[in-house]
């Protein structure tokens, strides 16, 4: 089974952590923050955590709990900004445009 590493931000303690998920996962999962224990109710599709939240309601089917290791916690994101949206794209454009004047 192929696995994908997904970065997650806890809205309670504002720490980032990583989860390795099988790409075949689909369903509702409880993601536990390894730093503060806050539970995030998320729907996973094809191994990717979506923004869809489910409630802890008997109508919703819970597949399992996801409990990443505490060592995966950090204060900053490790994901690189997308080149096509802000960040690196604009910095590169500015550098190309104004490097002759520097």
N, C-alpha and C. Protein backbone atom coordinates (compact mmCIF):
# COMPACT_ATOMS: atom_id res chain seq x y z
N UNK A 1 0.83 -1.18 0.00
CA UNK A 1 0.00 0.00 0.00
C UNK A 1 0.87 1.25 0.00
N UNK A 2 0.51 2.19 -0.87
CA UNK A 2 1.23 3.45 -0.92
C UNK A 2 0.77 4.34 0.23
N UNK A 3 1.74 5.06 0.81
CA UNK A 3 1.42 5.99 1.89
C UNK A 3 1.79 7.40 1.48
N UNK A 4 1.04 8.34 2.03
CA UNK A 4 1.29 9.75 1.77
C UNK A 4 1.42 10.47 3.11
N UNK A 5 2.37 11.41 3.19
CA UNK A 5 2.56 12.18 4.42
C UNK A 5 1.73 13.45 4.31
N UNK A 6 0.89 13.69 5.31
CA UNK A 6 0.00 14.84 5.32
C UNK A 6 0.33 15.70 6.54
N UNK A 7 0.50 17.01 6.30
CA UNK A 7 0.73 17.93 7.40
C UNK A 7 -0.61 18.43 7.92
N UNK A 8 -0.73 18.55 9.23
CA UNK A 8 -1.99 18.94 9.86
C UNK A 8 -1.69 20.03 10.87
N UNK A 9 -2.57 21.01 10.99
CA UNK A 9 -2.42 22.08 11.99
C UNK A 9 -3.51 21.94 13.03
N UNK A 10 -3.12 21.87 14.29
CA UNK A 10 -4.09 21.80 15.38
C UNK A 10 -4.59 23.21 15.67
N UNK A 11 -5.89 23.39 15.65
CA UNK A 11 -6.48 24.70 15.90
C UNK A 11 -6.51 25.06 17.38
N UNK A 12 -6.23 24.10 18.24
CA UNK A 12 -6.26 24.36 19.67
C UNK A 12 -4.89 24.87 20.17
N UNK A 13 -3.82 24.15 19.85
CA UNK A 13 -2.49 24.53 20.36
C UNK A 13 -1.61 25.17 19.29
N UNK A 14 -2.10 25.23 18.05
CA UNK A 14 -1.41 25.85 16.92
C UNK A 14 -0.07 25.20 16.59
N UNK A 15 0.02 23.90 16.80
CA UNK A 15 1.21 23.13 16.43
C UNK A 15 0.92 22.38 15.14
N UNK A 16 1.96 22.16 14.35
CA UNK A 16 1.86 21.35 13.14
C UNK A 16 2.32 19.94 13.48
N UNK A 17 1.72 18.95 12.82
CA UNK A 17 2.19 17.58 12.97
C UNK A 17 1.91 16.81 11.69
N UNK A 18 2.63 15.71 11.50
CA UNK A 18 2.50 14.90 10.29
C UNK A 18 1.78 13.61 10.58
N UNK A 19 1.03 13.17 9.58
CA UNK A 19 0.35 11.88 9.64
C UNK A 19 0.68 11.16 8.34
N UNK A 20 1.06 9.88 8.43
CA UNK A 20 1.25 9.07 7.25
C UNK A 20 0.00 8.23 7.05
N UNK A 21 -0.64 8.42 5.89
CA UNK A 21 -1.91 7.75 5.60
C UNK A 21 -1.79 6.86 4.38
N UNK A 22 -2.47 5.72 4.44
CA UNK A 22 -2.59 4.88 3.26
C UNK A 22 -3.45 5.61 2.24
N UNK A 23 -3.05 5.59 0.99
CA UNK A 23 -3.80 6.29 -0.05
C UNK A 23 -5.16 5.64 -0.31
N UNK A 24 -5.37 4.46 0.23
CA UNK A 24 -6.65 3.78 0.02
C UNK A 24 -7.68 4.11 1.09
N UNK A 25 -7.32 4.95 2.08
CA UNK A 25 -8.25 5.27 3.15
C UNK A 25 -9.38 6.17 2.68
N UNK A 26 -10.58 5.81 3.06
CA UNK A 26 -11.76 6.63 2.82
C UNK A 26 -12.67 6.50 4.03
N UNK A 27 -13.24 7.60 4.49
CA UNK A 27 -14.19 7.52 5.59
C UNK A 27 -13.97 8.60 6.63
N UNK A 28 -14.60 8.43 7.78
CA UNK A 28 -14.53 9.40 8.88
C UNK A 28 -13.52 8.93 9.91
N UNK A 29 -12.65 9.84 10.30
CA UNK A 29 -11.59 9.52 11.26
C UNK A 29 -11.52 10.59 12.33
N UNK A 30 -11.07 10.21 13.51
CA UNK A 30 -10.75 11.17 14.56
C UNK A 30 -9.23 11.32 14.57
N UNK A 31 -8.76 12.54 14.31
CA UNK A 31 -7.33 12.83 14.31
C UNK A 31 -6.99 13.46 15.66
N UNK A 32 -6.13 12.80 16.42
CA UNK A 32 -5.73 13.28 17.75
C UNK A 32 -4.44 14.08 17.62
N UNK A 33 -4.44 15.30 18.16
CA UNK A 33 -3.22 16.10 18.18
C UNK A 33 -2.25 15.45 19.17
N UNK A 34 -1.03 15.13 18.74
CA UNK A 34 -0.08 14.51 19.66
C UNK A 34 0.46 15.46 20.72
N UNK A 35 0.25 16.77 20.54
CA UNK A 35 0.74 17.73 21.52
C UNK A 35 -0.26 17.97 22.64
N UNK A 36 -1.51 18.32 22.29
CA UNK A 36 -2.48 18.69 23.33
C UNK A 36 -3.63 17.69 23.46
N UNK A 37 -3.73 16.71 22.54
CA UNK A 37 -4.78 15.71 22.63
C UNK A 37 -6.12 16.13 22.04
N UNK A 38 -6.18 17.35 21.48
CA UNK A 38 -7.42 17.83 20.87
C UNK A 38 -7.83 16.89 19.74
N UNK A 39 -9.11 16.60 19.64
CA UNK A 39 -9.61 15.68 18.61
C UNK A 39 -10.22 16.48 17.47
N UNK A 40 -9.77 16.18 16.25
CA UNK A 40 -10.29 16.78 15.03
C UNK A 40 -11.08 15.71 14.29
N UNK A 41 -12.33 15.97 14.01
CA UNK A 41 -13.19 15.02 13.30
C UNK A 41 -13.12 15.34 11.81
N UNK A 42 -12.50 14.45 11.03
CA UNK A 42 -12.29 14.72 9.61
C UNK A 42 -12.71 13.54 8.74
N UNK A 43 -13.08 13.90 7.52
CA UNK A 43 -13.37 12.90 6.49
C UNK A 43 -12.12 12.77 5.62
N UNK A 44 -11.71 11.53 5.37
CA UNK A 44 -10.54 11.24 4.55
C UNK A 44 -11.02 10.63 3.24
N UNK A 45 -10.47 11.16 2.12
CA UNK A 45 -10.80 10.61 0.80
C UNK A 45 -9.50 10.32 0.06
N UNK A 46 -9.35 9.07 -0.34
CA UNK A 46 -8.16 8.61 -1.08
C UNK A 46 -6.88 8.99 -0.35
N UNK A 47 -6.87 8.85 0.95
CA UNK A 47 -5.67 9.09 1.74
C UNK A 47 -5.38 10.54 2.05
N UNK A 48 -6.25 11.45 1.66
CA UNK A 48 -6.04 12.87 1.93
C UNK A 48 -7.09 13.36 2.91
N UNK A 49 -6.63 14.08 3.93
CA UNK A 49 -7.55 14.66 4.91
C UNK A 49 -8.24 15.85 4.24
N UNK A 50 -9.56 15.86 4.28
CA UNK A 50 -10.32 16.94 3.67
C UNK A 50 -10.70 17.98 4.73
N UNK A 51 -11.29 19.06 4.29
CA UNK A 51 -11.78 20.09 5.21
C UNK A 51 -13.16 19.72 5.76
N UNK A 52 -13.71 18.62 5.28
CA UNK A 52 -15.03 18.19 5.72
C UNK A 52 -14.94 17.63 7.13
N UNK A 53 -15.76 18.16 8.02
CA UNK A 53 -15.79 17.70 9.39
C UNK A 53 -17.04 16.86 9.60
N UNK A 54 -16.93 15.85 10.41
CA UNK A 54 -18.12 15.10 10.77
C UNK A 54 -18.30 15.22 12.26
N UNK A 55 -19.48 14.99 12.72
CA UNK A 55 -19.76 15.10 14.15
C UNK A 55 -19.65 13.72 14.79
N UNK A 56 -19.51 13.70 16.06
CA UNK A 56 -19.45 12.43 16.78
C UNK A 56 -20.90 11.99 17.03
N UNK A 57 -21.59 11.72 15.95
CA UNK A 57 -23.02 11.42 15.95
C UNK A 57 -23.20 9.94 15.59
N UNK A 58 -24.12 9.25 16.21
CA UNK A 58 -24.32 7.83 15.87
C UNK A 58 -24.64 7.59 14.39
N UNK A 59 -25.15 8.62 13.68
CA UNK A 59 -25.45 8.46 12.26
C UNK A 59 -24.17 8.40 11.43
N UNK A 60 -23.11 9.09 11.89
CA UNK A 60 -21.84 9.09 11.17
C UNK A 60 -21.06 7.83 11.54
N UNK A 61 -20.48 7.21 10.55
CA UNK A 61 -19.72 5.99 10.78
C UNK A 61 -18.26 6.36 11.00
N UNK A 62 -17.74 6.06 12.17
CA UNK A 62 -16.35 6.31 12.50
C UNK A 62 -15.53 5.09 12.10
N UNK A 63 -14.49 5.30 11.31
CA UNK A 63 -13.63 4.19 10.89
C UNK A 63 -12.64 3.86 11.99
N UNK A 64 -11.83 4.85 12.40
CA UNK A 64 -10.85 4.62 13.46
C UNK A 64 -10.25 5.95 13.92
N UNK A 65 -9.42 5.86 14.96
CA UNK A 65 -8.69 7.02 15.47
C UNK A 65 -7.31 7.05 14.82
N UNK A 66 -6.84 8.25 14.48
CA UNK A 66 -5.49 8.45 13.97
C UNK A 66 -4.70 9.18 15.04
N UNK A 67 -3.65 8.53 15.55
CA UNK A 67 -2.85 9.08 16.64
C UNK A 67 -1.39 9.17 16.22
N UNK A 68 -0.97 10.31 15.65
CA UNK A 68 0.43 10.45 15.24
C UNK A 68 1.36 10.54 16.45
N UNK A 69 2.65 10.35 16.19
CA UNK A 69 3.64 10.38 17.27
C UNK A 69 3.92 11.81 17.72
N UNK A 70 4.20 11.97 19.00
CA UNK A 70 4.50 13.29 19.57
C UNK A 70 5.71 13.93 18.90
N UNK A 71 6.64 13.10 18.43
CA UNK A 71 7.85 13.63 17.80
C UNK A 71 7.56 14.33 16.47
N UNK A 72 6.36 14.17 15.93
CA UNK A 72 6.02 14.83 14.66
C UNK A 72 5.57 16.28 14.87
N UNK A 73 5.44 16.74 16.12
CA UNK A 73 4.98 18.11 16.41
C UNK A 73 6.08 19.13 16.16
N UNK A 74 5.67 20.29 15.67
CA UNK A 74 6.61 21.41 15.48
C UNK A 74 5.81 22.71 15.46
N UNK A 75 6.54 23.83 15.56
CA UNK A 75 5.90 25.14 15.62
C UNK A 75 5.61 25.74 14.25
N UNK A 76 6.35 25.33 13.22
CA UNK A 76 6.18 25.93 11.90
C UNK A 76 5.84 24.87 10.86
N UNK A 77 5.25 25.33 9.78
CA UNK A 77 4.89 24.44 8.68
C UNK A 77 6.14 24.04 7.90
N UNK A 78 6.16 22.82 7.40
CA UNK A 78 7.25 22.38 6.54
C UNK A 78 6.84 22.32 5.09
N UNK A 79 5.56 22.57 4.81
CA UNK A 79 5.10 22.56 3.43
C UNK A 79 5.64 23.78 2.71
N UNK A 80 6.06 23.58 1.47
CA UNK A 80 6.56 24.68 0.66
C UNK A 80 5.37 25.39 0.03
N UNK A 81 5.44 26.73 -0.05
CA UNK A 81 4.35 27.45 -0.71
C UNK A 81 4.28 27.06 -2.18
N UNK A 82 3.08 27.03 -2.72
CA UNK A 82 2.92 26.71 -4.13
C UNK A 82 3.48 27.84 -4.98
N UNK A 83 4.22 27.49 -6.04
CA UNK A 83 4.82 28.50 -6.90
C UNK A 83 3.78 29.33 -7.63
N UNK A 84 2.64 28.75 -7.93
CA UNK A 84 1.64 29.46 -8.72
C UNK A 84 0.80 30.42 -7.89
N UNK A 85 0.83 30.31 -6.59
CA UNK A 85 0.01 31.17 -5.75
C UNK A 85 0.90 31.88 -4.74
N UNK A 86 1.14 33.16 -4.95
CA UNK A 86 1.89 33.97 -3.99
C UNK A 86 3.31 33.47 -3.78
N UNK A 87 3.83 33.70 -2.58
CA UNK A 87 5.11 33.19 -2.11
C UNK A 87 6.25 33.24 -3.10
N UNK A 88 6.75 32.10 -3.49
CA UNK A 88 7.93 31.99 -4.33
C UNK A 88 7.74 32.61 -5.71
N UNK A 89 6.55 32.50 -6.26
CA UNK A 89 6.29 33.04 -7.59
C UNK A 89 6.51 34.55 -7.60
N UNK A 90 5.92 35.26 -6.65
CA UNK A 90 6.06 36.71 -6.60
C UNK A 90 7.49 37.13 -6.28
N UNK A 91 8.15 36.42 -5.40
CA UNK A 91 9.54 36.73 -5.07
C UNK A 91 10.44 36.56 -6.29
N UNK A 92 10.23 35.48 -7.04
CA UNK A 92 11.01 35.24 -8.25
C UNK A 92 10.74 36.31 -9.30
N UNK A 93 9.48 36.68 -9.48
CA UNK A 93 9.12 37.72 -10.44
C UNK A 93 9.76 39.05 -10.06
N UNK A 94 9.72 39.40 -8.79
CA UNK A 94 10.34 40.65 -8.32
C UNK A 94 11.84 40.64 -8.58
N UNK A 95 12.47 39.51 -8.29
CA UNK A 95 13.92 39.37 -8.48
C UNK A 95 14.28 39.54 -9.95
N UNK A 96 13.52 38.92 -10.84
CA UNK A 96 13.78 39.02 -12.28
C UNK A 96 13.58 40.44 -12.78
N UNK A 97 12.56 41.11 -12.27
CA UNK A 97 12.22 42.45 -12.74
C UNK A 97 13.20 43.51 -12.25
N UNK A 98 13.62 43.40 -10.99
CA UNK A 98 14.41 44.47 -10.39
C UNK A 98 15.87 44.10 -10.09
N UNK A 99 16.33 42.93 -10.51
CA UNK A 99 17.70 42.54 -10.19
C UNK A 99 18.72 43.43 -10.88
N UNK A 100 18.36 44.02 -12.01
CA UNK A 100 19.29 44.91 -12.73
C UNK A 100 19.56 46.19 -11.95
N UNK A 101 18.63 46.56 -11.08
CA UNK A 101 18.77 47.80 -10.31
C UNK A 101 19.45 47.59 -8.97
N UNK A 102 19.66 46.38 -8.57
CA UNK A 102 20.23 46.09 -7.25
C UNK A 102 21.73 46.18 -7.26
